[in-house]
C-alpha atoms as a PDB file:
ATOM      1  CA  MET A   1       5.717   9.990  93.166  1.00  0.00           C
ATOM      2  CA  SER A   2       3.986   6.674  93.690  1.00  0.00           C
ATOM      3  CA  PHE A   3       2.005   7.181  90.485  1.00  0.00           C
ATOM      4  CA  GLU A   4       5.251   7.632  88.557  1.00  0.00           C
ATOM      5  CA  ARG A   5       6.675   4.453  90.108  1.00  0.00           C
ATOM      6  CA  ILE A   6       3.591   2.463  89.232  1.00  0.00           C
ATOM      7  CA  LEU A   7       3.697   3.848  85.722  1.00  0.00           C
ATOM      8  CA  GLY A   8       7.422   3.033  85.476  1.00  0.00           C
ATOM      9  CA  VAL A   9       6.875  -0.522  86.725  1.00  0.00           C
ATOM     10  CA  GLY A  10       4.039  -0.971  84.221  1.00  0.00           C
ATOM     11  CA  VAL A  11       6.168   0.280  81.330  1.00  0.00           C
ATOM     12  CA  GLY A  12       9.084  -1.886  82.492  1.00  0.00           C
ATOM     13  CA  LEU A  13       6.920  -5.009  82.659  1.00  0.00           C
ATOM     14  CA  SER A  14       5.453  -4.357  79.227  1.00  0.00           C
ATOM     15  CA  VAL A  15       8.981  -3.992  77.802  1.00  0.00           C
ATOM     16  CA  LEU A  16      10.080  -7.229  79.468  1.00  0.00           C
ATOM     17  CA  LEU A  17       7.044  -9.150  78.280  1.00  0.00           C
ATOM     18  CA  SER A  18       7.304  -7.890  74.709  1.00  0.00           C
ATOM     19  CA  ALA A  19      11.049  -8.657  74.632  1.00  0.00           C
ATOM     20  CA  ASN A  20      10.356 -12.286  75.545  1.00  0.00           C
ATOM     21  CA  SER A  21       8.919 -13.110  72.139  1.00  0.00           C
ATOM     22  CA  VAL A  22      10.675 -16.458  71.806  1.00  0.00           C
ATOM     23  CA  THR A  23       7.998 -18.447  73.584  1.00  0.00           C
ATOM     24  CA  ALA A  24       5.122 -16.317  72.368  1.00  0.00           C
ATOM     25  CA  GLY A  25       6.416 -16.304  68.770  1.00  0.00           C
ATOM     26  CA  ALA A  26       7.085 -20.044  68.737  1.00  0.00           C
ATOM     27  CA  PHE A  27       3.638 -20.718  70.137  1.00  0.00           C
ATOM     28  CA  GLU A  28       2.088 -18.332  67.629  1.00  0.00           C
ATOM     29  CA  ASP A  29       3.938 -20.055  64.720  1.00  0.00           C
ATOM     30  CA  ARG A  30       2.734 -23.470  65.869  1.00  0.00           C
ATOM     31  CA  ILE A  31      -0.850 -22.264  65.959  1.00  0.00           C
ATOM     32  CA  LYS A  32      -0.495 -20.610  62.553  1.00  0.00           C
ATOM     33  CA  ASP A  33       1.010 -23.816  61.042  1.00  0.00           C
ATOM     34  CA  THR A  34      -1.835 -25.868  62.455  1.00  0.00           C
ATOM     35  CA  HIS A  35      -4.462 -23.698  60.825  1.00  0.00           C
ATOM     36  CA  THR A  36      -2.777 -22.823  57.525  1.00  0.00           C
ATOM     37  CA  ASN A  37      -1.003 -26.031  56.474  1.00  0.00           C
ATOM     38  CA  SER A  38      -3.506 -27.960  54.411  1.00  0.00           C
ATOM     39  CA  SER A  39      -3.585 -31.750  54.389  1.00  0.00           C
ATOM     40  CA  MET A  40      -4.454 -31.527  50.680  1.00  0.00           C
ATOM     41  CA  THR A  41      -1.791 -31.952  48.025  1.00  0.00           C
ATOM     42  CA  VAL A  42      -1.631 -30.791  44.440  1.00  0.00           C
ATOM     43  CA  GLU A  43      -2.220 -33.668  42.095  1.00  0.00           C
ATOM     44  CA  SER A  44       0.025 -34.394  39.165  1.00  0.00           C
ATOM     45  CA  LEU A  45      -1.858 -36.071  36.333  1.00  0.00           C
ATOM     46  CA  ASP A  46       1.148 -38.326  35.771  1.00  0.00           C
ATOM     47  CA  ASP A  47       1.255 -39.472  39.384  1.00  0.00           C
ATOM     48  CA  PRO A  48      -0.395 -42.849  40.119  1.00  0.00           C
ATOM     49  CA  MET A  49      -0.036 -42.439  43.874  1.00  0.00           C
ATOM     50  CA  ILE A  50      -3.112 -42.230  46.027  1.00  0.00           C
ATOM     51  CA  THR A  51      -3.224 -39.387  48.543  1.00  0.00           C
ATOM     52  CA  PRO A  52      -5.171 -39.362  51.838  1.00  0.00           C
ATOM     53  CA  MET A  53      -8.913 -38.744  51.894  1.00  0.00           C
ATOM     54  CA  GLU A  54      -9.536 -40.771  48.751  1.00  0.00           C
ATOM     55  CA  LEU A  55     -11.222 -44.068  48.097  1.00  0.00           C
ATOM     56  CA  ARG A  56      -8.990 -46.549  46.306  1.00  0.00           C
ATOM     57  CA  ILE A  57     -11.047 -48.292  43.685  1.00  0.00           C
ATOM     58  CA  ILE A  58      -8.139 -50.054  41.997  1.00  0.00           C
ATOM     59  CA  LYS A  59      -4.983 -50.081  44.108  1.00  0.00           C
ATOM     60  CA  PRO A  60      -1.841 -49.140  42.131  1.00  0.00           C
ATOM     61  CA  ASP A  61      -0.929 -52.358  40.365  1.00  0.00           C
ATOM     62  CA  THR A  62       0.951 -53.709  37.363  1.00  0.00           C
ATOM     63  CA  TYR A  63      -0.500 -56.151  34.857  1.00  0.00           C
ATOM     64  CA  SER A  64       1.432 -58.302  32.408  1.00  0.00           C
ATOM     65  CA  SER A  65      -0.407 -60.849  30.253  1.00  0.00           C
ATOM     66  CA  TYR A  66      -1.511 -61.823  26.765  1.00  0.00           C
ATOM     67  CA  ASN A  67      -5.085 -61.801  28.086  1.00  0.00           C
ATOM     68  CA  ALA A  68      -7.236 -58.681  28.292  1.00  0.00           C
ATOM     69  CA  TYR A  69      -7.581 -56.879  31.602  1.00  0.00           C
ATOM     70  CA  GLU A  70     -11.138 -56.498  32.880  1.00  0.00           C
ATOM     71  CA  ARG A  71     -12.405 -54.823  36.026  1.00  0.00           C
ATOM     72  CA  SER A  72     -15.786 -53.475  37.143  1.00  0.00           C
ATOM     73  CA  PHE A  73     -16.594 -51.253  40.098  1.00  0.00           C
ATOM     74  CA  THR A  74     -19.339 -48.973  41.390  1.00  0.00           C
ATOM     75  CA  LEU A  75     -18.887 -45.270  42.095  1.00  0.00           C
ATOM     76  CA  ASN A  76     -20.939 -43.938  45.005  1.00  0.00           C
ATOM     77  CA  PRO A  77     -21.554 -40.152  45.283  1.00  0.00           C
ATOM     78  CA  GLU A  78     -21.026 -40.371  49.058  1.00  0.00           C
ATOM     79  CA  ASN A  79     -17.335 -41.089  48.337  1.00  0.00           C
ATOM     80  CA  GLY A  80     -16.747 -38.002  46.180  1.00  0.00           C
ATOM     81  CA  GLU A  81     -17.829 -36.221  43.021  1.00  0.00           C
ATOM     82  CA  ASP A  82     -14.974 -37.343  40.764  1.00  0.00           C
ATOM     83  CA  ALA A  83     -13.023 -40.475  39.946  1.00  0.00           C
ATOM     84  CA  ASN A  84      -9.714 -40.881  38.118  1.00  0.00           C
ATOM     85  CA  LEU A  85      -8.598 -43.949  36.207  1.00  0.00           C
ATOM     86  CA  TRP A  86      -4.827 -43.854  35.582  1.00  0.00           C
ATOM     87  CA  ILE A  87      -3.195 -46.154  33.014  1.00  0.00           C
ATOM     88  CA  HIS A  88       0.464 -46.337  31.924  1.00  0.00           C
ATOM     89  CA  ASN A  89       1.333 -48.531  28.927  1.00  0.00           C
ATOM     90  CA  THR A  90       4.782 -50.091  29.454  1.00  0.00           C
ATOM     91  CA  SER A  91       4.412 -52.693  26.694  1.00  0.00           C
ATOM     92  CA  THR A  92       5.979 -52.536  23.228  1.00  0.00           C
ATOM     93  CA  HIS A  93       2.791 -51.752  21.266  1.00  0.00           C
ATOM     94  CA  THR A  94      -0.415 -49.740  21.590  1.00  0.00           C
ATOM     95  CA  ILE A  95      -3.088 -50.970  23.990  1.00  0.00           C
ATOM     96  CA  TYR A  96      -6.720 -49.853  24.140  1.00  0.00           C
ATOM     97  CA  ALA A  97      -8.873 -49.075  27.176  1.00  0.00           C
ATOM     98  CA  GLU A  98     -12.599 -49.475  26.625  1.00  0.00           C
ATOM     99  CA  VAL A  99     -14.440 -47.723  29.466  1.00  0.00           C
ATOM    100  CA  THR A 100     -18.193 -48.094  29.965  1.00  0.00           C
ATOM    101  CA  VAL A 101     -19.848 -45.703  32.436  1.00  0.00           C
ATOM    102  CA  GLY A 102     -23.358 -46.729  33.465  1.00  0.00           C
ATOM    103  CA  SER A 103     -25.589 -47.436  30.476  1.00  0.00           C
ATOM    104  CA  LEU A 104     -23.661 -45.107  28.146  1.00  0.00           C
ATOM    105  CA  SER A 105     -21.888 -46.418  25.089  1.00  0.00           C
ATOM    106  CA  PRO A 106     -18.298 -47.426  25.821  1.00  0.00           C
ATOM    107  CA  PHE A 107     -15.525 -45.085  24.783  1.00  0.00           C
ATOM    108  CA  VAL A 108     -12.139 -46.352  23.650  1.00  0.00           C
ATOM    109  CA  VAL A 109      -8.869 -44.647  24.571  1.00  0.00           C
ATOM    110  CA  PRO A 110      -5.670 -45.780  22.802  1.00  0.00           C
ATOM    111  CA  PHE A 111      -2.401 -45.811  24.759  1.00  0.00           C
ATOM    112  CA  GLU A 112       0.710 -45.838  22.626  1.00  0.00           C
ATOM    113  CA  LYS A 113       3.788 -47.570  24.054  1.00  0.00           C
ATOM    114  CA  GLY A 114       5.265 -45.618  26.953  1.00  0.00           C
ATOM    115  CA  LYS A 115       2.258 -43.291  27.264  1.00  0.00           C
ATOM    116  CA  GLN A 116       0.183 -42.707  30.359  1.00  0.00           C
ATOM    117  CA  THR A 117      -3.023 -40.852  30.914  1.00  0.00           C
ATOM    118  CA  THR A 118      -5.699 -40.136  33.478  1.00  0.00           C
ATOM    119  CA  ILE A 119      -9.347 -40.585  32.562  1.00  0.00           C
ATOM    120  CA  ARG A 120     -11.645 -38.480  34.775  1.00  0.00           C
ATOM    121  CA  ILE A 121     -15.178 -39.685  35.460  1.00  0.00           C
ATOM    122  CA  GLY A 122     -17.838 -37.479  37.050  1.00  0.00           C
ATOM    123  CA  VAL A 123     -20.016 -39.122  39.680  1.00  0.00           C
ATOM    124  CA  ILE A 124     -23.688 -38.082  39.672  1.00  0.00           C
ATOM    125  CA  GLY A 125     -25.419 -41.074  41.217  1.00  0.00           C
ATOM    126  CA  ALA A 126     -24.416 -44.649  41.971  1.00  0.00           C
ATOM    127  CA  THR A 127     -22.629 -45.514  38.731  1.00  0.00           C
ATOM    128  CA  ASN A 128     -21.262 -48.815  37.486  1.00  0.00           C
ATOM    129  CA  VAL A 129     -17.996 -48.588  35.560  1.00  0.00           C
ATOM    130  CA  LYS A 130     -16.435 -51.337  33.464  1.00  0.00           C
ATOM    131  CA  VAL A 131     -12.797 -51.144  32.314  1.00  0.00           C
ATOM    132  CA  TYR A 132     -11.663 -53.502  29.557  1.00  0.00           C
ATOM    133  CA  ILE A 133      -8.077 -53.152  28.320  1.00  0.00           C
ATOM    134  CA  TYR A 134      -6.850 -55.142  25.346  1.00  0.00           C
ATOM    135  CA  SER A 135      -4.264 -55.429  22.592  1.00  0.00           C
ATOM    136  CA  SER A 136      -5.472 -55.375  18.995  1.00  0.00           C
ATOM    137  CA  THR A 137      -2.398 -57.308  17.798  1.00  0.00           C
ATOM    138  CA  GLY A 138      -2.302 -60.017  20.460  1.00  0.00           C
ATOM    139  CA  HIS A 139       1.039 -58.882  21.896  1.00  0.00           C
ATOM    140  CA  LYS A 140       1.813 -59.235  25.597  1.00  0.00           C
ATOM    141  CA  MET A 141       0.417 -56.271  27.502  1.00  0.00           C
ATOM    142  CA  ASP A 142       2.454 -54.650  30.254  1.00  0.00           C
ATOM    143  CA  MET A 143       0.820 -51.779  32.085  1.00  0.00           C
ATOM    144  CA  SER A 144       0.302 -50.035  35.399  1.00  0.00           C
ATOM    145  CA  ILE A 145      -3.188 -49.094  36.540  1.00  0.00           C
ATOM    146  CA  SER A 146      -4.907 -47.422  39.475  1.00  0.00           C
ATOM    147  CA  ALA A 147      -8.235 -45.750  40.160  1.00  0.00           C
ATOM    148  CA  ARG A 148      -9.473 -43.526  42.928  1.00  0.00           C
ATOM    149  CA  GLN A 149     -12.584 -41.591  43.867  1.00  0.00           C
ATOM    150  CA  PHE A 150     -12.376 -38.258  45.626  1.00  0.00           C
END
């Protein structure tokens, strides 16, 4: 009879412990959230915002002038394998971005009024980048710009 009582007490305790899933389940959910929720976010190519774990090369900024915009910076492979240069033309005419990567010939990207685009640059070694943005007609340029390395 004592064996049956011990067995009954054991079954009773296991039922009680398994029924109290509120604390165990909540604790389990917290652990699961900690390990499965990534700190990474999906990037929208139209989004100029900088997300964590990136190096801001050009902080999100606006530029409005009749003069050309010029900026140079160095990409370091220790800071990531890729870099994005984001430009949004908010002026009334087309502007042109001339981007020179290292010793390569510059490439020119036109931005029609209201258009925005992201230029991706691969980082192999320490690389100097020069960005020169201008208007071919001499109109006042209005634009937003940012760059990041990740």
